[in-house]
PDB file of N, CA and C in Angstrom:
ATOM      1  N   ARG A   1       1.220  10.965 -12.210  1.00  0.00           N
ATOM      2  CA  ARG A   1       0.103  10.895 -13.127  1.00  0.00           C
ATOM      3  C   ARG A   1      -1.177  10.933 -12.308  1.00  0.00           C
ATOM      4  N   PRO A   2      -2.163  11.669 -12.783  1.00  0.00           N
ATOM      5  CA  PRO A   2      -3.417  11.799 -12.025  1.00  0.00           C
ATOM      6  C   PRO A   2      -4.119  10.455 -11.866  1.00  0.00           C
ATOM      7  N   TYR A   3      -4.778  10.285 -10.705  1.00  0.00           N
ATOM      8  CA  TYR A   3      -5.435   9.008 -10.422  1.00  0.00           C
ATOM      9  C   TYR A   3      -6.537   8.703 -11.427  1.00  0.00           C
ATOM     10  N   ARG A   4      -7.132   9.725 -12.020  1.00  0.00           N
ATOM     11  CA  ARG A   4      -8.219   9.496 -12.984  1.00  0.00           C
ATOM     12  C   ARG A   4      -7.730   8.832 -14.271  1.00  0.00           C
ATOM     13  N   GLU A   5      -6.428   8.831 -14.472  1.00  0.00           N
ATOM     14  CA  GLU A   5      -5.865   8.195 -15.663  1.00  0.00           C
ATOM     15  C   GLU A   5      -5.387   6.771 -15.395  1.00  0.00           C
ATOM     16  N   THR A   6      -5.527   6.296 -14.171  1.00  0.00           N
ATOM     17  CA  THR A   6      -5.070   4.950 -13.860  1.00  0.00           C
ATOM     18  C   THR A   6      -6.079   3.914 -14.342  1.00  0.00           C
ATOM     19  N   PRO A   7      -5.604   2.765 -14.750  1.00  0.00           N
ATOM     20  CA  PRO A   7      -6.517   1.714 -15.222  1.00  0.00           C
ATOM     21  C   PRO A   7      -7.510   1.260 -14.158  1.00  0.00           C
ATOM     22  N   ALA A   8      -7.092   1.200 -12.896  1.00  0.00           N
ATOM     23  CA  ALA A   8      -7.996   0.762 -11.825  1.00  0.00           C
ATOM     24  C   ALA A   8      -9.163   1.733 -11.691  1.00  0.00           C
ATOM     25  N   TYR A   9      -8.880   3.022 -11.694  1.00  0.00           N
ATOM     26  CA  TYR A   9      -9.944   4.029 -11.574  1.00  0.00           C
ATOM     27  C   TYR A   9     -10.897   3.943 -12.766  1.00  0.00           C
ATOM     28  N   GLN A  10     -10.356   3.838 -13.948  1.00  0.00           N
ATOM     29  CA  GLN A  10     -11.197   3.770 -15.149  1.00  0.00           C
ATOM     30  C   GLN A  10     -12.070   2.520 -15.135  1.00  0.00           C
ATOM     31  N   HIS A  11     -11.541   1.412 -14.643  1.00  0.00           N
ATOM     32  CA  HIS A  11     -12.310   0.172 -14.564  1.00  0.00           C
ATOM     33  C   HIS A  11     -13.476   0.320 -13.592  1.00  0.00           C
ATOM     34  N   ILE A  12     -13.215   0.917 -12.431  1.00  0.00           N
ATOM     35  CA  ILE A  12     -14.274   1.084 -11.434  1.00  0.00           C
ATOM     36  C   ILE A  12     -15.372   2.003 -11.956  1.00  0.00           C
ATOM     37  N   VAL A  13     -14.997   3.101 -12.575  1.00  0.00           N
ATOM     38  CA  VAL A  13     -15.992   4.036 -13.117  1.00  0.00           C
ATOM     39  C   VAL A  13     -16.820   3.350 -14.193  1.00  0.00           C
ATOM     40  N   ALA A  14     -16.179   2.597 -15.064  1.00  0.00           N
ATOM     41  CA  ALA A  14     -16.913   1.893 -16.120  1.00  0.00           C
ATOM     42  C   ALA A  14     -17.865   0.859 -15.528  1.00  0.00           C
ATOM     43  N   ALA A  15     -17.429   0.155 -14.484  1.00  0.00           N
ATOM     44  CA  ALA A  15     -18.288  -0.844 -13.851  1.00  0.00           C
ATOM     45  C   ALA A  15     -19.495  -0.189 -13.197  1.00  0.00           C
ATOM     46  N   PHE A  16     -19.293   0.933 -12.518  1.00  0.00           N
ATOM     47  CA  PHE A  16     -20.419   1.620 -11.884  1.00  0.00           C
ATOM     48  C   PHE A  16     -21.388   2.155 -12.932  1.00  0.00           C
ATOM     49  N   ARG A  17     -20.885   2.665 -14.016  1.00  0.00           N
ATOM     50  CA  ARG A  17     -21.772   3.177 -15.073  1.00  0.00           C
ATOM     51  C   ARG A  17     -22.534   2.046 -15.746  1.00  0.00           C
ATOM     52  N   ALA A  18     -21.913   0.899 -15.878  1.00  0.00           N
ATOM     53  CA  ALA A  18     -22.576  -0.235 -16.531  1.00  0.00           C
ATOM     54  C   ALA A  18     -23.639  -0.859 -15.638  1.00  0.00           C
ATOM     55  N   HIS A  19     -23.532  -0.694 -14.330  1.00  0.00           N
ATOM     56  CA  HIS A  19     -24.458  -1.325 -13.395  1.00  0.00           C
ATOM     57  C   HIS A  19     -25.256  -0.303 -12.596  1.00  0.00           C
ATOM     58  N   ARG A  20     -25.654   0.780 -13.239  1.00  0.00           N
ATOM     59  CA  ARG A  20     -26.464   1.776 -12.531  1.00  0.00           C
ATOM     60  C   ARG A  20     -27.736   1.135 -12.012  1.00  0.00           C
ATOM     61  N   VAL A  21     -28.106   1.509 -10.825  1.00  0.00           N
ATOM     62  CA  VAL A  21     -29.282   0.922 -10.192  1.00  0.00           C
ATOM     63  C   VAL A  21     -30.538   1.575 -10.773  1.00  0.00           C
ATOM     64  N   THR A  22     -31.383   0.753 -11.396  1.00  0.00           N
ATOM     65  CA  THR A  22     -32.639   1.258 -11.935  1.00  0.00           C
ATOM     66  C   THR A  22     -33.823   0.622 -11.238  1.00  0.00           C
ATOM     67  N   SER A  23     -33.586  -0.485 -10.536  1.00  0.00           N
ATOM     68  CA  SER A  23     -34.643  -1.138  -9.767  1.00  0.00           C
ATOM     69  C   SER A  23     -33.985  -1.947  -8.660  1.00  0.00           C
ATOM     70  N   GLU A  24     -34.787  -2.463  -7.746  1.00  0.00           N
ATOM     71  CA  GLU A  24     -34.236  -3.240  -6.644  1.00  0.00           C
ATOM     72  C   GLU A  24     -33.716  -4.601  -7.100  1.00  0.00           C
ATOM     73  N   LYS A  25     -33.984  -4.987  -8.327  1.00  0.00           N
ATOM     74  CA  LYS A  25     -33.460  -6.257  -8.834  1.00  0.00           C
ATOM     75  C   LYS A  25     -31.932  -6.222  -8.903  1.00  0.00           C
ATOM     76  N   LEU A  26     -31.384  -5.021  -9.023  1.00  0.00           N
ATOM     77  CA  LEU A  26     -29.929  -4.890  -9.136  1.00  0.00           C
ATOM     78  C   LEU A  26     -29.265  -4.583  -7.800  1.00  0.00           C
ATOM     79  N   CYS A  27     -29.983  -4.699  -6.717  1.00  0.00           N
ATOM     80  CA  CYS A  27     -29.439  -4.365  -5.403  1.00  0.00           C
ATOM     81  C   CYS A  27     -28.208  -5.218  -5.083  1.00  0.00           C
ATOM     82  N   ARG A  28     -28.266  -6.489  -5.385  1.00  0.00           N
ATOM     83  CA  ARG A  28     -27.139  -7.379  -5.108  1.00  0.00           C
ATOM     84  C   ARG A  28     -25.913  -6.966  -5.913  1.00  0.00           C
ATOM     85  N   ALA A  29     -26.110  -6.630  -7.175  1.00  0.00           N
ATOM     86  CA  ALA A  29     -24.989  -6.199  -8.015  1.00  0.00           C
ATOM     87  C   ALA A  29     -24.404  -4.891  -7.482  1.00  0.00           C
ATOM     88  N   ARG A  30     -25.274  -3.999  -6.983  1.00  0.00           N
ATOM     89  CA  ARG A  30     -24.781  -2.738  -6.440  1.00  0.00           C
ATOM     90  C   ARG A  30     -23.897  -2.996  -5.221  1.00  0.00           C
ATOM     91  N   GLN A  31     -24.334  -3.887  -4.334  1.00  0.00           N
ATOM     92  CA  GLN A  31     -23.519  -4.212  -3.156  1.00  0.00           C
ATOM     93  C   GLN A  31     -22.198  -4.841  -3.573  1.00  0.00           C
ATOM     94  N   GLU A  32     -22.248  -5.650  -4.588  1.00  0.00           N
ATOM     95  CA  GLU A  32     -21.022  -6.277  -5.089  1.00  0.00           C
ATOM     96  C   GLU A  32     -20.058  -5.221  -5.617  1.00  0.00           C
ATOM     97  N   LEU A  33     -20.596  -4.222  -6.331  1.00  0.00           N
ATOM     98  CA  LEU A  33     -19.732  -3.165  -6.861  1.00  0.00           C
ATOM     99  C   LEU A  33     -19.139  -2.323  -5.739  1.00  0.00           C
ATOM    100  N   HIS A  34     -19.905  -2.070  -4.691  1.00  0.00           N
ATOM    101  CA  HIS A  34     -19.352  -1.330  -3.561  1.00  0.00           C
ATOM    102  C   HIS A  34     -18.230  -2.132  -2.902  1.00  0.00           C
ATOM    103  N   PHE A  35     -18.411  -3.424  -2.771  1.00  0.00           N
ATOM    104  CA  PHE A  35     -17.361  -4.281  -2.211  1.00  0.00           C
ATOM    105  C   PHE A  35     -16.122  -4.253  -3.104  1.00  0.00           C
ATOM    106  N   GLN A  36     -16.345  -4.336  -4.414  1.00  0.00           N
ATOM    107  CA  GLN A  36     -15.222  -4.309  -5.357  1.00  0.00           C
ATOM    108  C   GLN A  36     -14.484  -2.973  -5.276  1.00  0.00           C
ATOM    109  N   ALA A  37     -15.222  -1.869  -5.166  1.00  0.00           N
ATOM    110  CA  ALA A  37     -14.586  -0.555  -5.048  1.00  0.00           C
ATOM    111  C   ALA A  37     -13.784  -0.452  -3.752  1.00  0.00           C
ATOM    112  N   ALA A  38     -14.338  -0.972  -2.654  1.00  0.00           N
ATOM    113  CA  ALA A  38     -13.614  -0.949  -1.382  1.00  0.00           C
ATOM    114  C   ALA A  38     -12.347  -1.800  -1.461  1.00  0.00           C
ATOM    115  N   THR A  39     -12.430  -2.905  -2.180  1.00  0.00           N
ATOM    116  CA  THR A  39     -11.258  -3.768  -2.357  1.00  0.00           C
ATOM    117  C   THR A  39     -10.175  -3.051  -3.149  1.00  0.00           C
ATOM    118  N   TYR A  40     -10.565  -2.355  -4.225  1.00  0.00           N
ATOM    119  CA  TYR A  40      -9.588  -1.587  -5.008  1.00  0.00           C
ATOM    120  C   TYR A  40      -8.975  -0.476  -4.169  1.00  0.00           C
ATOM    121  N   LEU A  41      -9.778   0.183  -3.349  1.00  0.00           N
ATOM    122  CA  LEU A  41      -9.254   1.240  -2.493  1.00  0.00           C
ATOM    123  C   LEU A  41      -8.209   0.675  -1.532  1.00  0.00           C
ATOM    124  N   CYS A  42      -8.499  -0.474  -0.949  1.00  0.00           N
ATOM    125  CA  CYS A  42      -7.541  -1.133  -0.061  1.00  0.00           C
ATOM    126  C   CYS A  42      -6.256  -1.465  -0.815  1.00  0.00           C
ATOM    127  N   LEU A  43      -6.395  -1.963  -2.037  1.00  0.00           N
ATOM    128  CA  LEU A  43      -5.225  -2.284  -2.854  1.00  0.00           C
ATOM    129  C   LEU A  43      -4.380  -1.038  -3.112  1.00  0.00           C
ATOM    130  N   LEU A  44      -5.027   0.051  -3.509  1.00  0.00           N
ATOM    131  CA  LEU A  44      -4.286   1.270  -3.834  1.00  0.00           C
ATOM    132  C   LEU A  44      -3.570   1.825  -2.598  1.00  0.00           C
ATOM    133  N   ARG A  45      -4.244   1.798  -1.443  1.00  0.00           N
ATOM    134  CA  ARG A  45      -3.598   2.267  -0.210  1.00  0.00           C
ATOM    135  C   ARG A  45      -2.411   1.385   0.144  1.00  0.00           C
ATOM    136  N   SER A  46      -2.578   0.083  -0.013  1.00  0.00           N
ATOM    137  CA  SER A  46      -1.498  -0.846   0.309  1.00  0.00           C
ATOM    138  C   SER A  46      -0.302  -0.652  -0.617  1.00  0.00           C
ATOM    139  N   VAL A  47      -0.567  -0.402  -1.888  1.00  0.00           N
ATOM    140  CA  VAL A  47       0.524  -0.176  -2.844  1.00  0.00           C
ATOM    141  C   VAL A  47       1.295   1.084  -2.459  1.00  0.00           C
ATOM    142  N   ARG A  48       0.570   2.140  -2.056  1.00  0.00           N
ATOM    143  CA  ARG A  48       1.243   3.373  -1.640  1.00  0.00           C
ATOM    144  C   ARG A  48       2.088   3.146  -0.396  1.00  0.00           C
ATOM    145  N   GLN A  49       1.542   2.417   0.588  1.00  0.00           N
ATOM    146  CA  GLN A  49       2.302   2.133   1.806  1.00  0.00           C
ATOM    147  C   GLN A  49       3.535   1.293   1.492  1.00  0.00           C
ATOM    148  N   HIS A  50       3.377   0.314   0.611  1.00  0.00           N
ATOM    149  CA  HIS A  50       4.512  -0.523   0.233  1.00  0.00           C
ATOM    150  C   HIS A  50       5.596   0.315  -0.432  1.00  0.00           C
ATOM    151  N   ALA A  51       5.200   1.218  -1.322  1.00  0.00           N
ATOM    152  CA  ALA A  51       6.180   2.061  -2.005  1.00  0.00           C
ATOM    153  C   ALA A  51       6.925   2.944  -1.007  1.00  0.00           C
ATOM    154  N   ALA A  52       6.208   3.496  -0.032  1.00  0.00           N
ATOM    155  CA  ALA A  52       6.854   4.339   0.980  1.00  0.00           C
ATOM    156  C   ALA A  52       7.836   3.529   1.817  1.00  0.00           C
ATOM    157  N   LEU A  53       7.430   2.338   2.252  1.00  0.00           N
ATOM    158  CA  LEU A  53       8.332   1.481   3.024  1.00  0.00           C
ATOM    159  C   LEU A  53       9.531   1.044   2.193  1.00  0.00           C
ATOM    160  N   HIS A  54       9.297   0.749   0.941  1.00  0.00           N
ATOM    161  CA  HIS A  54      10.379   0.322   0.048  1.00  0.00           C
ATOM    162  C   HIS A  54      11.409   1.437  -0.110  1.00  0.00           C
ATOM    163  N   ARG A  55      10.921   2.680  -0.312  1.00  0.00           N
ATOM    164  CA  ARG A  55      11.857   3.809  -0.438  1.00  0.00           C
ATOM    165  C   ARG A  55      12.662   4.004   0.835  1.00  0.00           C
ATOM    166  N   GLU A  56      12.028   3.807   1.995  1.00  0.00           N
ATOM    167  CA  GLU A  56      12.705   4.071   3.257  1.00  0.00           C
ATOM    168  C   GLU A  56      13.727   3.001   3.615  1.00  0.00           C
ATOM    169  N   TYR A  57      13.384   1.741   3.386  1.00  0.00           N
ATOM    170  CA  TYR A  57      14.219   0.662   3.905  1.00  0.00           C
ATOM    171  C   TYR A  57      14.975  -0.143   2.853  1.00  0.00           C
ATOM    172  N   HIS A  58      14.695   0.028   1.590  1.00  0.00           N
ATOM    173  CA  HIS A  58      15.320  -0.837   0.593  1.00  0.00           C
ATOM    174  C   HIS A  58      16.764  -0.448   0.349  1.00  0.00           C
ATOM    175  N   GLY A  59      17.484  -1.438  -0.105  1.00  0.00           N
ATOM    176  CA  GLY A  59      18.922  -1.441  -0.266  1.00  0.00           C
ATOM    177  C   GLY A  59      19.602  -0.167  -0.702  1.00  0.00           C
ATOM    178  N   ARG A  60      20.404   0.312   0.196  1.00  0.00           N
ATOM    179  CA  ARG A  60      21.377   1.349  -0.128  1.00  0.00           C
ATOM    180  C   ARG A  60      22.746   0.729   0.040  1.00  0.00           C
ATOM    181  N   GLY A  61      22.838  -0.527  -0.340  1.00  0.00           N
ATOM    182  CA  GLY A  61      24.089  -1.252  -0.167  1.00  0.00           C
ATOM    183  C   GLY A  61      24.158  -1.891   1.211  1.00  0.00           C
ATOM    184  N   GLU A  62      25.313  -2.373   1.561  1.00  0.00           N
ATOM    185  CA  GLU A  62      25.517  -3.006   2.861  1.00  0.00           C
ATOM    186  C   GLU A  62      25.422  -1.964   3.965  1.00  0.00           C
ATOM    187  N   ARG A  63      24.798  -2.354   5.060  1.00  0.00           N
ATOM    188  CA  ARG A  63      24.723  -1.476   6.219  1.00  0.00           C
ATOM    189  C   ARG A  63      25.562  -2.057   7.339  1.00  0.00           C
ATOM    190  N   SER A  64      26.088  -1.177   8.146  1.00  0.00           N
ATOM    191  CA  SER A  64      26.886  -1.631   9.285  1.00  0.00           C
ATOM    192  C   SER A  64      25.947  -2.214  10.339  1.00  0.00           C
ATOM    193  N   PRO A  65      26.468  -3.069  11.216  1.00  0.00           N
ATOM    194  CA  PRO A  65      25.628  -3.614  12.289  1.00  0.00           C
ATOM    195  C   PRO A  65      25.014  -2.516  13.167  1.00  0.00           C
ATOM    196  N   GLU A  66      25.749  -1.432  13.390  1.00  0.00           N
ATOM    197  CA  GLU A  66      25.235  -0.328  14.194  1.00  0.00           C
ATOM    198  C   GLU A  66      24.031   0.322  13.508  1.00  0.00           C
ATOM    199  N   GLU A  67      24.121   0.511  12.202  1.00  0.00           N
ATOM    200  CA  GLU A  67      23.023   1.136  11.453  1.00  0.00           C
ATOM    201  C   GLU A  67      21.787   0.238  11.445  1.00  0.00           C
ATOM    202  N   VAL A  68      21.995  -1.062  11.267  1.00  0.00           N
ATOM    203  CA  VAL A  68      20.870  -2.003  11.279  1.00  0.00           C
ATOM    204  C   VAL A  68      20.211  -2.014  12.648  1.00  0.00           C
ATOM    205  N   ALA A  69      21.009  -2.021  13.707  1.00  0.00           N
ATOM    206  CA  ALA A  69      20.457  -1.997  15.061  1.00  0.00           C
ATOM    207  C   ALA A  69      19.652  -0.717  15.282  1.00  0.00           C
ATOM    208  N   GLY A  70      20.140   0.398  14.772  1.00  0.00           N
ATOM    209  CA  GLY A  70      19.431   1.666  14.911  1.00  0.00           C
ATOM    210  C   GLY A  70      18.099   1.671  14.192  1.00  0.00           C
ATOM    211  N   LEU A  71      17.989   0.947  13.071  1.00  0.00           N
ATOM    212  CA  LEU A  71      16.731   0.889  12.327  1.00  0.00           C
ATOM    213  C   LEU A  71      15.608   0.282  13.152  1.00  0.00           C
ATOM    214  N   VAL A  72      15.957  -0.693  13.984  1.00  0.00           N
ATOM    215  CA  VAL A  72      14.931  -1.367  14.781  1.00  0.00           C
ATOM    216  C   VAL A  72      14.893  -0.874  16.229  1.00  0.00           C
ATOM    217  N   GLY A  73      15.671   0.180  16.526  1.00  0.00           N
ATOM    218  CA  GLY A  73      15.597   0.790  17.846  1.00  0.00           C
ATOM    219  C   GLY A  73      16.507   0.189  18.899  1.00  0.00           C
ATOM    220  N   PHE A  74      17.553  -0.479  18.489  1.00  0.00           N
ATOM    221  CA  PHE A  74      18.493  -1.063  19.443  1.00  0.00           C
ATOM    222  C   PHE A  74      19.834  -0.342  19.361  1.00  0.00           C
ATOM    223  N   ARG A  75      20.645  -0.560  20.381  1.00  0.00           N
ATOM    224  CA  ARG A  75      22.047  -0.118  20.360  1.00  0.00           C
ATOM    225  C   ARG A  75      22.905  -1.332  20.630  1.00  0.00           C
ATOM    226  N   LEU A  76      24.005  -1.404  19.951  1.00  0.00           N
ATOM    227  CA  LEU A  76      24.929  -2.509  20.198  1.00  0.00           C
ATOM    228  C   LEU A  76      25.667  -2.273  21.506  1.00  0.00           C
ATOM    229  N   PRO A  77      25.953  -3.345  22.258  1.00  0.00           N
ATOM    230  CA  PRO A  77      26.684  -3.170  23.529  1.00  0.00           C
ATOM    231  C   PRO A  77      28.114  -2.745  23.266  1.00  0.00           C
ATOM    232  N   GLN A  78      28.681  -2.026  24.221  1.00  0.00           N
ATOM    233  CA  GLN A  78      30.074  -1.593  24.121  1.00  0.00           C
ATOM    234  C   GLN A  78      30.985  -2.732  24.552  1.00  0.00           C
ATOM    235  N   GLN A  79      32.083  -2.886  23.851  1.00  0.00           N
ATOM    236  CA  GLN A  79      33.061  -3.922  24.188  1.00  0.00           C
ATOM    237  C   GLN A  79      33.918  -3.450  25.358  1.00  0.00           C
ATOM    238  N   PRO A  80      34.288  -4.368  26.251  1.00  0.00           N
ATOM    239  CA  PRO A  80      35.186  -3.960  27.343  1.00  0.00           C
ATOM    240  C   PRO A  80      36.544  -3.554  26.790  1.00  0.00           C
ATOM    241  N   GLY A  81      37.146  -2.616  27.441  1.00  0.00           N
ATOM    242  CA  GLY A  81      38.466  -2.162  27.002  1.00  0.00           C
ATOM    243  C   GLY A  81      38.383  -1.107  25.920  1.00  0.00           C
ATOM    244  N   GLY A  82      37.211  -0.550  25.682  1.00  0.00           N
ATOM    245  CA  GLY A  82      37.072   0.538  24.714  1.00  0.00           C
ATOM    246  C   GLY A  82      36.977   0.098  23.269  1.00  0.00           C
ATOM    247  N   LYS A  83      36.866  -1.208  23.009  1.00  0.00           N
ATOM    248  CA  LYS A  83      36.740  -1.659  21.618  1.00  0.00           C
ATOM    249  C   LYS A  83      35.264  -1.562  21.226  1.00  0.00           C
ATOM    250  N   GLY A  84      34.995  -0.895  20.119  1.00  0.00           N
ATOM    251  CA  GLY A  84      33.620  -0.838  19.621  1.00  0.00           C
ATOM    252  C   GLY A  84      32.803   0.253  20.129  1.00  0.00           C
TER     253      GLY A  84
END
Protein backbone atom coordinates (compact mmCIF):
# COMPACT_ATOMS: atom_id res chain seq x y z
CA ARG A 1 0.00 0.00 0.00
CA PRO A 2 1.36 3.44 -0.87
CA TYR A 3 2.91 5.40 1.99
CA ARG A 4 0.55 8.32 1.32
CA GLU A 5 -2.34 6.14 2.47
CA THR A 6 -0.79 5.29 5.83
CA PRO A 7 -2.26 6.86 8.96
CA ALA A 8 1.15 8.15 10.11
CA TYR A 9 1.72 10.04 6.84
CA GLN A 10 -1.78 11.50 6.86
CA HIS A 11 -1.36 12.63 10.48
CA ILE A 12 1.93 14.39 9.74
CA VAL A 13 0.54 16.16 6.67
CA ALA A 14 -2.53 17.29 8.61
CA ALA A 15 -0.35 18.57 11.47
CA PHE A 16 1.89 20.54 9.12
CA ARG A 17 -1.11 22.06 7.35
CA ALA A 18 -2.73 23.00 10.65
CA HIS A 19 0.44 24.71 11.92
CA ARG A 20 1.61 26.61 8.85
CA VAL A 21 4.06 29.30 9.82
CA THR A 22 2.54 32.75 9.34
CA SER A 23 4.67 34.66 11.85
CA GLU A 24 7.63 34.10 14.15
CA LYS A 25 5.21 33.50 17.03
CA LEU A 26 4.79 29.97 15.68
CA CYS A 27 8.51 29.25 15.40
CA ARG A 28 8.48 26.98 18.45
CA ALA A 29 5.53 24.99 17.11
CA ARG A 30 7.30 24.64 13.76
CA GLN A 31 10.40 23.21 15.45
CA GLU A 32 8.20 20.86 17.42
CA LEU A 33 6.55 19.63 14.21
CA HIS A 34 9.93 19.03 12.59
CA PHE A 35 10.98 17.01 15.64
CA GLN A 36 7.71 15.06 15.50
CA ALA A 37 8.21 14.35 11.78
CA ALA A 38 11.78 13.17 12.41
CA THR A 39 10.50 10.92 15.19
CA TYR A 40 7.89 9.38 12.86
CA LEU A 41 10.55 8.85 10.20
CA CYS A 42 12.73 7.03 12.74
CA LEU A 43 9.74 4.90 13.74
CA LEU A 44 8.92 3.97 10.14
CA ARG A 45 12.55 3.06 9.38
CA SER A 46 12.75 0.98 12.54
CA VAL A 47 9.53 -0.87 11.70
CA ARG A 48 10.91 -1.71 8.24
CA GLN A 49 14.20 -2.95 9.70
CA HIS A 50 12.34 -5.02 12.28
CA ALA A 51 10.17 -6.59 9.58
CA ALA A 52 13.25 -7.47 7.50
CA LEU A 53 15.02 -9.03 10.50
CA HIS A 54 11.86 -10.88 11.49
CA ARG A 55 11.50 -12.38 7.99
CA GLU A 56 15.15 -13.44 7.97
CA TYR A 57 15.49 -14.94 11.43
CA HIS A 58 12.04 -15.83 12.73
CA GLY A 59 10.93 -19.36 13.32
CA ARG A 60 11.09 -21.86 10.57
CA GLY A 61 10.73 -24.53 13.19
CA GLU A 62 13.55 -26.11 15.15
CA ARG A 63 17.04 -25.53 13.82
CA SER A 64 19.96 -27.87 14.19
CA PRO A 65 22.90 -26.76 16.35
CA GLU A 66 25.03 -26.53 13.18
CA GLU A 67 22.52 -24.18 11.53
CA VAL A 68 22.28 -21.98 14.62
CA ALA A 69 26.07 -21.79 14.85
CA GLY A 70 26.21 -20.81 11.18
CA LEU A 71 23.75 -17.95 11.76
CA VAL A 72 26.16 -16.26 14.15
CA GLY A 73 29.31 -17.14 12.19
CA PHE A 74 30.61 -20.10 14.17
CA ARG A 75 31.37 -23.71 13.33
CA LEU A 76 30.89 -26.55 15.73
CA PRO A 77 34.07 -28.48 16.62
CA GLN A 78 34.55 -31.93 15.12
CA GLN A 79 34.30 -34.88 17.48
CA PRO A 80 37.31 -37.18 17.74
CA GLY A 81 36.89 -40.46 15.96
CA GLY A 82 34.86 -38.98 13.10
CA LYS A 83 31.66 -38.43 15.10
CA GLY A 84 29.90 -35.21 14.12
